[in-house]
Amino acid sequence: MSLRRREVDVRGYRELAEELRQRIDDGEFASGDTLPRIVDLIDEYNLSRQTVRDAIGVLADEGLVVTMGKGGTIVRNRTRVRIPLNRYTRVLAPGGSKGPWETACAQQGLDGQMKVVHVARVDGLDDVTNELGLPPGSELLYRRRYALIGSDDVVQVQHAWYPASVADEAGISGDRKIVGGVFGALTAAGYAPATATEQIESRMPTSTEATQLKISGKVPVLAVQRLTKAGDGQVLELLRTTAPADRIQLTYDDLPLL
């Protein structure tokens, strides 16, 4: 029997969370929908404000909803994006119109977009220059990007660093989006990516990451670090990506075992 129909005066927040979870799973509230206001849920379920808040907190911690202050409580998009390793090789040729993220999304009928958030010339931090094989303090080109589905669903936050001279030659130093992706631009400039090494870990998000990804601080994220090298071993890019663990599926098909 639905919680709304029970004639019981005392109900716990976990029961309410289960009821709202079921309504979301049944499609009554779809991705992007706003849940009823707290005052409406108080009236509908005859519960205290704190009980309703606690129930919504449970759903936010589970990644089902995101609270937007005066914007209400929004049902979170949990569409999972399959990201195959071959997304790189498909965008190496210059002149293409889609980068790796956009290519992976398009294969699943999703409107993947890449948004440039910040570009700057920086003196590299020791851990970054060390990964790039450069002397400490070397000038780098830093690019922060959002990988989105549609215009506002941020699925990944990407931080990328390049040797400044390589970035300048490849024409990726500006704050514009690189049509066709950075790999195509590097290839056109004579810096064809040859190998990519990825390290993946699961952890809890920082407060900044949670805000950027519109998730609760209790939703785990996958943190991926990718190091891309040219055929001669020169490191071309250090990329660090963070995404909610329930939004992406990294796949590595048919890798050679010998």
Protein backbone atom coordinates (compact mmCIF):
# COMPACT_ATOMS: atom_id res chain seq x y z
CA MET A 1 0.00 0.00 0.00
CA SER A 2 1.31 3.44 -0.88
CA LEU A 3 2.70 5.52 1.94
CA ARG A 4 0.31 8.26 0.91
CA ARG A 5 -2.66 6.03 1.67
CA ARG A 6 -1.51 4.75 5.04
CA GLU A 7 -3.36 6.22 7.97
CA VAL A 8 -0.32 6.29 10.21
CA ASP A 9 0.72 9.48 11.94
CA VAL A 10 4.36 8.65 12.53
CA ARG A 11 6.44 7.80 9.48
CA GLY A 12 10.21 7.81 9.11
CA TYR A 13 12.19 9.67 6.49
CA ARG A 14 13.46 6.37 5.09
CA GLU A 15 9.90 5.32 4.27
CA LEU A 16 9.31 8.59 2.49
CA ALA A 17 12.60 8.23 0.61
CA GLU A 18 11.53 4.75 -0.53
CA GLU A 19 8.17 6.10 -1.69
CA LEU A 20 9.75 8.92 -3.69
CA ARG A 21 12.40 6.56 -5.07
CA GLN A 22 9.66 4.27 -6.34
CA ARG A 23 7.81 7.16 -7.96
CA ILE A 24 11.04 8.13 -9.76
CA ASP A 25 11.73 4.55 -10.85
CA ASP A 26 8.14 4.22 -12.11
CA GLY A 27 8.63 7.27 -14.32
CA GLU A 28 6.22 9.55 -12.51
CA PHE A 29 9.15 11.95 -12.16
CA ALA A 30 11.47 11.75 -15.15
CA SER A 31 15.01 13.02 -15.57
CA GLY A 32 15.00 16.80 -15.33
CA ASP A 33 11.64 16.96 -13.59
CA THR A 34 11.24 18.89 -10.37
CA LEU A 35 9.93 17.01 -7.35
CA PRO A 36 6.97 18.55 -5.49
CA ARG A 37 7.97 21.38 -3.19
CA ILE A 38 8.78 20.56 0.41
CA VAL A 39 5.60 22.29 1.57
CA ASP A 40 3.59 20.18 -0.87
CA LEU A 41 5.24 16.96 0.31
CA ILE A 42 4.54 17.96 3.91
CA ASP A 43 0.87 18.35 3.04
CA GLU A 44 0.72 15.21 0.87
CA TYR A 45 2.33 12.90 3.41
CA ASN A 46 1.40 14.68 6.65
CA LEU A 47 5.03 14.76 7.77
CA SER A 48 7.29 17.30 9.41
CA ARG A 49 9.54 19.58 7.39
CA GLN A 50 12.65 17.94 8.83
CA THR A 51 11.43 14.45 7.89
CA VAL A 52 10.85 15.56 4.30
CA ARG A 53 14.26 17.25 4.14
CA ASP A 54 15.95 14.12 5.48
CA ALA A 55 14.19 11.95 2.88
CA ILE A 56 15.31 14.23 0.06
CA GLY A 57 18.83 14.13 1.53
CA VAL A 58 18.81 10.33 1.23
CA LEU A 59 17.85 10.55 -2.45
CA ALA A 60 20.54 13.16 -3.09
CA ASP A 61 23.17 10.95 -1.43
CA GLU A 62 22.07 8.09 -3.69
CA GLY A 63 22.46 10.28 -6.77
CA LEU A 64 18.77 10.22 -7.67
CA VAL A 65 18.15 13.94 -7.24
CA VAL A 66 20.08 17.17 -6.93
CA THR A 67 18.93 20.04 -4.74
CA MET A 68 19.10 23.45 -6.40
CA GLY A 69 18.06 25.75 -3.57
CA LYS A 70 15.28 27.99 -4.80
CA GLY A 71 15.33 25.98 -8.02
CA GLY A 72 13.84 23.02 -6.17
CA THR A 73 14.83 19.35 -6.19
CA ILE A 74 15.60 18.04 -9.67
CA VAL A 75 15.56 14.39 -10.74
CA ARG A 76 19.10 13.72 -11.91
CA ASN A 77 19.93 12.37 -15.35
CA ARG A 78 21.57 8.97 -14.84
CA THR A 79 22.06 8.06 -18.50
CA ARG A 80 25.30 6.09 -18.67
CA VAL A 81 27.71 6.92 -21.48
CA ARG A 82 29.80 4.06 -22.85
CA ILE A 83 33.31 5.33 -23.57
CA PRO A 84 35.40 2.91 -25.65
CA LEU A 85 39.18 3.10 -25.89
CA ASN A 86 38.95 3.42 -29.68
CA ARG A 87 37.38 6.88 -29.27
CA TYR A 88 40.93 8.19 -29.64
CA THR A 89 41.91 6.48 -32.86
CA ARG A 90 38.71 7.64 -34.54
CA VAL A 91 39.58 11.32 -34.15
CA LEU A 92 43.28 11.36 -35.06
CA ALA A 93 42.72 12.49 -38.64
CA PRO A 94 42.61 16.30 -38.97
CA GLY A 95 39.49 17.96 -40.34
CA GLY A 96 36.88 16.01 -38.39
CA SER A 97 33.94 17.66 -36.69
CA LYS A 98 33.80 15.65 -33.44
CA GLY A 99 36.25 15.00 -30.62
CA PRO A 100 36.49 11.78 -28.58
CA TRP A 101 33.64 12.63 -26.19
CA GLU A 102 31.31 13.78 -28.96
CA THR A 103 32.16 10.69 -31.01
CA ALA A 104 31.42 8.31 -28.12
CA CYS A 105 28.10 10.02 -27.40
CA ALA A 106 27.05 10.10 -31.06
CA GLN A 107 27.51 6.32 -31.29
CA GLN A 108 24.78 6.02 -28.63
CA GLY A 109 22.46 8.62 -30.11
CA LEU A 110 23.36 11.19 -27.45
CA ASP A 111 23.99 14.88 -28.02
CA GLY A 112 27.51 15.06 -26.65
CA GLN A 113 29.07 18.50 -26.50
CA MET A 114 32.36 19.90 -25.26
CA LYS A 115 32.42 23.31 -23.59
CA VAL A 116 35.62 25.25 -22.97
CA VAL A 117 35.46 26.80 -19.50
CA HIS A 118 38.91 28.27 -18.97
CA VAL A 119 42.18 28.54 -20.90
CA ALA A 120 45.40 30.01 -19.50
CA ARG A 121 49.17 29.95 -19.81
CA VAL A 122 50.57 28.75 -16.49
CA ASP A 123 53.85 27.85 -14.85
CA GLY A 124 53.44 24.14 -14.31
CA LEU A 125 53.05 22.63 -10.87
CA ASP A 126 55.74 20.11 -10.02
CA ASP A 127 53.44 17.09 -10.32
CA VAL A 128 52.19 18.25 -13.72
CA THR A 129 55.58 19.10 -15.22
CA ASN A 130 56.95 15.82 -13.86
CA GLU A 131 54.22 13.86 -15.67
CA LEU A 132 54.93 15.84 -18.86
CA GLY A 133 58.66 15.20 -18.55
CA LEU A 134 59.46 18.93 -18.38
CA PRO A 135 61.63 20.97 -15.98
CA PRO A 136 59.78 22.39 -12.95
CA GLY A 137 58.12 25.73 -13.67
CA SER A 138 57.96 25.16 -17.43
CA GLU A 139 55.32 27.20 -19.23
CA LEU A 140 52.21 25.15 -20.00
CA LEU A 141 48.91 25.67 -21.71
CA TYR A 142 46.03 24.73 -19.41
CA ARG A 143 42.50 24.03 -20.64
CA ARG A 144 39.49 23.22 -18.46
CA ARG A 145 36.48 21.74 -20.24
CA TYR A 146 33.06 20.36 -19.47
CA ALA A 147 31.89 17.24 -21.31
CA LEU A 148 28.14 17.57 -21.56
CA ILE A 149 25.03 15.85 -22.83
CA GLY A 150 22.90 18.58 -24.28
CA SER A 151 23.65 22.13 -23.21
CA ASP A 152 23.77 21.86 -19.42
CA ASP A 153 24.17 18.24 -18.22
CA VAL A 154 27.81 18.15 -17.08
CA VAL A 155 29.04 14.54 -17.12
CA GLN A 156 32.78 15.13 -16.99
CA VAL A 157 35.09 17.88 -15.79
CA GLN A 158 38.36 17.79 -17.72
CA HIS A 159 41.66 19.47 -16.83
CA ALA A 160 44.29 19.31 -19.58
CA TRP A 161 47.88 20.55 -19.75
CA TYR A 162 50.17 20.81 -22.81
CA PRO A 163 53.72 22.04 -23.34
CA ALA A 164 53.14 25.67 -24.35
CA SER A 165 55.23 25.40 -27.51
CA VAL A 166 53.27 22.34 -28.68
CA ALA A 167 49.95 24.04 -27.95
CA ASP A 168 50.99 27.12 -29.92
CA GLU A 169 52.07 25.09 -32.95
CA ALA A 170 48.86 23.05 -32.83
CA GLY A 171 46.70 26.17 -32.61
CA ILE A 172 44.99 25.17 -29.38
CA SER A 173 46.16 28.08 -27.24
CA GLY A 174 43.01 30.15 -27.72
CA ASP A 175 39.84 29.92 -25.68
CA ARG A 176 37.74 28.59 -28.54
CA LYS A 177 36.46 25.04 -28.84
CA ILE A 178 38.75 22.89 -31.00
CA VAL A 179 36.49 21.56 -33.74
CA GLY A 180 37.31 17.91 -34.35
CA GLY A 181 39.18 17.64 -31.07
CA VAL A 182 42.69 18.35 -29.82
CA PHE A 183 44.10 15.08 -31.18
CA GLY A 184 43.24 16.08 -34.74
CA ALA A 185 44.87 19.49 -34.21
CA LEU A 186 48.02 17.88 -32.79
CA THR A 187 48.22 15.48 -35.72
CA ALA A 188 47.86 18.33 -38.22
CA ALA A 189 50.76 20.14 -36.52
CA GLY A 190 53.03 17.11 -36.80
CA TYR A 191 52.52 15.84 -33.26
CA ALA A 192 50.52 12.71 -33.96
CA PRO A 193 49.47 10.98 -30.71
CA ALA A 194 50.81 7.42 -30.69
CA THR A 195 50.11 6.04 -27.22
CA ALA A 196 47.73 6.80 -24.37
CA THR A 197 48.18 5.54 -20.82
CA GLU A 198 45.22 5.76 -18.45
CA GLN A 199 45.03 5.38 -14.69
CA ILE A 200 41.62 5.10 -13.06
CA GLU A 201 40.60 5.39 -9.45
CA SER A 202 37.30 5.65 -7.60
CA ARG A 203 36.95 8.20 -4.81
CA MET A 204 34.58 10.70 -3.29
CA PRO A 205 34.34 14.11 -4.98
CA THR A 206 35.80 17.30 -3.64
CA SER A 207 33.29 20.02 -2.82
CA THR A 208 34.26 21.85 -6.03
CA GLU A 209 33.77 18.72 -8.14
CA ALA A 210 30.39 18.02 -6.52
CA THR A 211 29.25 21.55 -7.38
CA GLN A 212 30.50 21.33 -10.97
CA LEU A 213 28.92 17.91 -11.54
CA LYS A 214 25.73 18.79 -9.63
CA ILE A 215 25.94 15.80 -7.32
CA SER A 216 25.95 15.18 -3.61
CA GLY A 217 29.31 14.88 -1.92
CA LYS A 218 28.42 11.25 -1.21
CA VAL A 219 28.15 10.19 -4.87
CA PRO A 220 31.43 8.45 -5.88
CA VAL A 221 33.35 9.67 -8.91
CA LEU A 222 35.78 8.04 -11.30
CA ALA A 223 39.00 9.99 -11.66
CA VAL A 224 40.89 9.19 -14.87
CA GLN A 225 44.37 10.41 -15.68
CA ARG A 226 45.52 10.04 -19.28
CA LEU A 227 49.03 10.64 -20.54
CA THR A 228 49.34 10.94 -24.32
CA LYS A 229 52.68 10.60 -26.10
CA ALA A 230 53.96 11.00 -29.64
CA GLY A 231 55.80 8.21 -31.42
CA ASP A 232 59.18 9.52 -30.21
CA GLY A 233 58.05 9.41 -26.59
CA GLN A 234 57.38 13.13 -26.21
CA VAL A 235 54.47 13.76 -23.85
CA LEU A 236 51.84 15.85 -25.62
CA GLU A 237 49.02 16.04 -23.09
CA LEU A 238 48.21 15.34 -19.45
CA LEU A 239 44.46 15.02 -19.00
CA ARG A 240 42.67 14.56 -15.68
CA THR A 241 38.97 13.80 -15.89
CA THR A 242 36.38 13.45 -13.14
CA ALA A 243 32.88 12.03 -13.64
CA PRO A 244 30.14 10.54 -11.46
CA ALA A 245 30.79 6.79 -11.30
CA ASP A 246 27.21 6.03 -12.34
CA ARG A 247 27.40 8.12 -15.52
CA ILE A 248 30.24 6.56 -17.51
CA GLN A 249 31.34 3.08 -18.53
CA LEU A 250 34.94 2.82 -19.69
CA THR A 251 35.43 -0.11 -22.05
CA TYR A 252 38.63 -1.64 -23.35
CA ASP A 253 37.75 -4.14 -26.07
CA ASP A 254 40.06 -6.70 -27.68
CA LEU A 255 43.26 -5.59 -25.99
CA PRO A 256 46.25 -7.76 -26.97
CA LEU A 257 47.41 -10.08 -24.17
CA LEU A 258 50.87 -10.66 -25.60
